[in-house]
Amino acid sequence: MLCLLKIIRNVEVLSLKGCHGPFDPGILRENLALGVPMAFQTSIISLGVILIQFATNGMGTVAIASYAVAKKIDTIAVEPLRSLGITMTTYTAQNYGAGKYDRILDGVRQCVLISVVMSAALGLIMFFGGRFLASLFIGTGDSRSGTYISDHTRRAVCDSGTAL
């Protein structure tokens, strides 16, 4: 907390001394209207992850290790799509600020096309290549883990909609 106060006081760019105009309750309401539902959604997802981990912990060490590897594979597959979302947020904000609304729509169309193609490709790789992807993490010696991981990656594709 003290570090944050020192930074705010000593770094002019981070100062809240009115350089952007007076406090506007409307902007605060708008930010809260967007931020509170996002925070709620994130907390629900986190709670779900905790519950899944709790259930997995009761299934034994092979299941726990397999689930951890499957989540790593899923994260690797989902990360490019998450990056597209972050990219579009910045792209949209910049073009909105510049008043170039037509570019926003063009960018969204292109991003949706890229996302659909990428989702289909990644989903197919995860669905049909789960055992091979598992072998990259655990080798080929443990068939039980490979089966668990393959099942997890297939379920991730079907449950999360990574594929079309």
Protein backbone atom coordinates (compact mmCIF):
# COMPACT_ATOMS: atom_id res chain seq x y z
CA MET A 1 0.00 0.00 0.00
CA LEU A 2 2.82 2.38 0.86
CA CYS A 3 4.53 1.64 -2.46
CA LEU A 4 1.33 2.45 -4.33
CA LEU A 5 0.97 5.75 -2.51
CA LYS A 6 4.60 6.64 -3.23
CA ILE A 7 4.16 5.86 -6.93
CA ILE A 8 0.94 7.89 -7.17
CA ARG A 9 2.57 10.87 -5.47
CA ASN A 10 5.90 10.75 -7.34
CA VAL A 11 4.94 9.60 -10.84
CA GLU A 12 3.02 12.45 -12.45
CA VAL A 13 1.34 10.25 -15.09
CA LEU A 14 -0.25 8.14 -12.35
CA SER A 15 -1.34 11.14 -10.33
CA LEU A 16 -5.04 11.70 -9.69
CA LYS A 17 -4.67 15.48 -9.35
CA GLY A 18 -7.40 16.39 -11.82
CA CYS A 19 -5.28 16.29 -14.95
CA HIS A 20 -8.16 14.57 -16.74
CA GLY A 21 -10.89 16.87 -15.50
CA PRO A 22 -13.17 16.80 -12.49
CA PHE A 23 -14.62 13.61 -11.03
CA ASP A 24 -17.61 12.43 -13.07
CA PRO A 25 -20.07 10.10 -11.30
CA GLY A 26 -21.52 9.10 -14.70
CA ILE A 27 -18.20 7.64 -15.80
CA LEU A 28 -17.93 5.79 -12.48
CA ARG A 29 -21.44 4.31 -12.96
CA GLU A 30 -20.58 3.28 -16.53
CA ASN A 31 -17.36 1.58 -15.40
CA LEU A 32 -19.13 -0.17 -12.54
CA ALA A 33 -21.93 -1.31 -14.88
CA LEU A 34 -19.29 -3.03 -17.01
CA GLY A 35 -16.88 -4.08 -14.26
CA VAL A 36 -19.21 -5.63 -11.68
CA PRO A 37 -20.75 -8.23 -14.05
CA MET A 38 -17.28 -9.09 -15.36
CA ALA A 39 -15.96 -9.52 -11.82
CA PHE A 40 -18.98 -11.68 -10.93
CA GLN A 41 -18.47 -13.87 -14.00
CA THR A 42 -14.78 -14.30 -13.21
CA SER A 43 -15.54 -15.26 -9.61
CA ILE A 44 -18.12 -17.85 -10.73
CA ILE A 45 -15.60 -19.36 -13.16
CA SER A 46 -12.95 -19.45 -10.42
CA LEU A 47 -15.39 -21.13 -8.05
CA GLY A 48 -16.09 -23.75 -10.73
CA VAL A 49 -12.38 -24.42 -11.14
CA ILE A 50 -12.03 -24.89 -7.38
CA LEU A 51 -14.95 -27.34 -7.32
CA ILE A 52 -13.53 -29.33 -10.24
CA GLN A 53 -10.14 -29.47 -8.52
CA PHE A 54 -11.80 -30.64 -5.31
CA ALA A 55 -13.60 -33.43 -7.17
CA THR A 56 -10.43 -34.41 -9.06
CA ASN A 57 -8.38 -34.58 -5.85
CA GLY A 58 -10.54 -37.46 -4.66
CA MET A 59 -9.80 -39.54 -7.76
CA GLY A 60 -6.14 -40.30 -7.03
CA THR A 61 -2.73 -39.09 -8.12
CA VAL A 62 -2.94 -40.32 -11.72
CA ALA A 63 -6.19 -38.43 -12.26
CA ILE A 64 -4.78 -35.29 -10.62
CA ALA A 65 -1.64 -35.34 -12.76
CA SER A 66 -3.67 -36.11 -15.88
CA TYR A 67 -6.07 -33.26 -15.18
CA ALA A 68 -3.16 -30.84 -14.67
CA VAL A 69 -1.63 -31.83 -18.02
CA ALA A 70 -5.00 -31.64 -19.77
CA LYS A 71 -5.54 -28.12 -18.39
CA LYS A 72 -2.10 -27.11 -19.69
CA ILE A 73 -3.00 -28.43 -23.15
CA ASP A 74 -6.34 -26.63 -23.02
CA THR A 75 -4.65 -23.40 -21.94
CA ILE A 76 -2.18 -23.64 -24.82
CA ALA A 77 -5.11 -24.09 -27.22
CA VAL A 78 -7.24 -21.29 -25.78
CA GLU A 79 -4.49 -18.70 -25.35
CA PRO A 80 -4.38 -17.64 -29.04
CA LEU A 81 -8.13 -17.03 -28.92
CA ARG A 82 -7.83 -15.05 -25.69
CA SER A 83 -5.09 -12.98 -27.33
CA LEU A 84 -7.43 -12.16 -30.21
CA GLY A 85 -9.96 -10.85 -27.71
CA ILE A 86 -7.37 -8.65 -26.03
CA THR A 87 -6.17 -7.44 -29.40
CA MET A 88 -9.68 -6.51 -30.47
CA THR A 89 -10.26 -4.60 -27.25
CA THR A 90 -7.27 -2.37 -27.97
CA TYR A 91 -8.09 -2.13 -31.69
CA THR A 92 -11.67 -1.13 -30.95
CA ALA A 93 -10.70 1.44 -28.33
CA GLN A 94 -8.15 3.09 -30.61
CA ASN A 95 -10.51 3.26 -33.57
CA TYR A 96 -13.41 4.41 -31.41
CA GLY A 97 -11.24 7.20 -30.03
CA ALA A 98 -10.23 8.18 -33.57
CA GLY A 99 -13.87 8.11 -34.72
CA LYS A 100 -13.20 5.38 -37.28
CA TYR A 101 -16.26 3.26 -36.59
CA ASP A 102 -16.21 1.52 -39.98
CA ARG A 103 -12.77 0.11 -39.17
CA ILE A 104 -14.15 -1.37 -35.95
CA LEU A 105 -16.78 -3.36 -37.85
CA ASP A 106 -14.21 -4.52 -40.42
CA GLY A 107 -11.84 -5.58 -37.65
CA VAL A 108 -14.57 -7.48 -35.81
CA ARG A 109 -15.54 -9.34 -38.99
CA GLN A 110 -11.93 -10.30 -39.68
CA CYS A 111 -11.37 -11.33 -36.07
CA VAL A 112 -14.49 -13.49 -36.05
CA LEU A 113 -13.32 -15.23 -39.21
CA ILE A 114 -9.86 -15.82 -37.75
CA SER A 115 -11.42 -17.05 -34.48
CA VAL A 116 -13.74 -19.51 -36.23
CA VAL A 117 -10.93 -20.98 -38.34
CA MET A 118 -8.54 -21.10 -35.39
CA SER A 119 -11.17 -22.63 -33.09
CA ALA A 120 -11.97 -25.34 -35.60
CA ALA A 121 -8.31 -26.18 -36.16
CA LEU A 122 -7.42 -26.18 -32.46
CA GLY A 123 -10.54 -28.14 -31.58
CA LEU A 124 -9.76 -30.83 -34.13
CA ILE A 125 -6.15 -31.05 -32.93
CA MET A 126 -7.26 -31.38 -29.31
CA PHE A 127 -10.07 -33.82 -30.05
CA PHE A 128 -8.15 -36.19 -32.28
CA GLY A 129 -4.62 -35.53 -31.04
CA GLY A 130 -5.18 -35.64 -27.29
CA ARG A 131 -3.11 -38.78 -26.80
CA PHE A 132 -0.21 -37.38 -28.86
CA LEU A 133 -0.35 -34.07 -26.99
CA ALA A 134 -0.37 -36.01 -23.71
CA SER A 135 2.76 -37.89 -24.78
CA LEU A 136 4.58 -34.56 -25.18
CA PHE A 137 4.10 -33.96 -21.45
CA ILE A 138 4.25 -37.44 -19.91
CA GLY A 139 5.98 -39.61 -22.50
CA THR A 140 4.43 -42.75 -23.93
CA GLY A 141 4.96 -45.13 -20.99
CA ASP A 142 1.83 -44.43 -18.92
CA SER A 143 -1.21 -45.45 -20.95
CA ARG A 144 -3.66 -44.75 -18.10
CA SER A 145 -2.59 -41.10 -17.88
CA GLY A 146 -2.68 -40.82 -21.66
CA THR A 147 -6.25 -42.10 -21.69
CA TYR A 148 -7.29 -39.68 -18.93
CA ILE A 149 -5.65 -36.74 -20.70
CA SER A 150 -7.16 -37.69 -24.05
CA ASP A 151 -10.58 -37.92 -22.39
CA HIS A 152 -10.06 -34.55 -20.68
CA THR A 153 -9.02 -32.80 -23.90
CA ARG A 154 -12.00 -34.26 -25.78
CA ARG A 155 -14.31 -33.18 -23.02
CA ALA A 156 -12.73 -29.70 -23.00
CA VAL A 157 -13.39 -29.36 -26.72
CA CYS A 158 -17.03 -30.44 -26.34
CA ASP A 159 -17.71 -28.52 -23.11
CA SER A 160 -16.00 -25.21 -23.81
CA GLY A 161 -16.80 -24.96 -27.48
CA THR A 162 -13.15 -24.68 -28.55
CA ALA A 163 -14.23 -26.39 -31.77
CA LEU A 164 -17.25 -25.45 -33.83
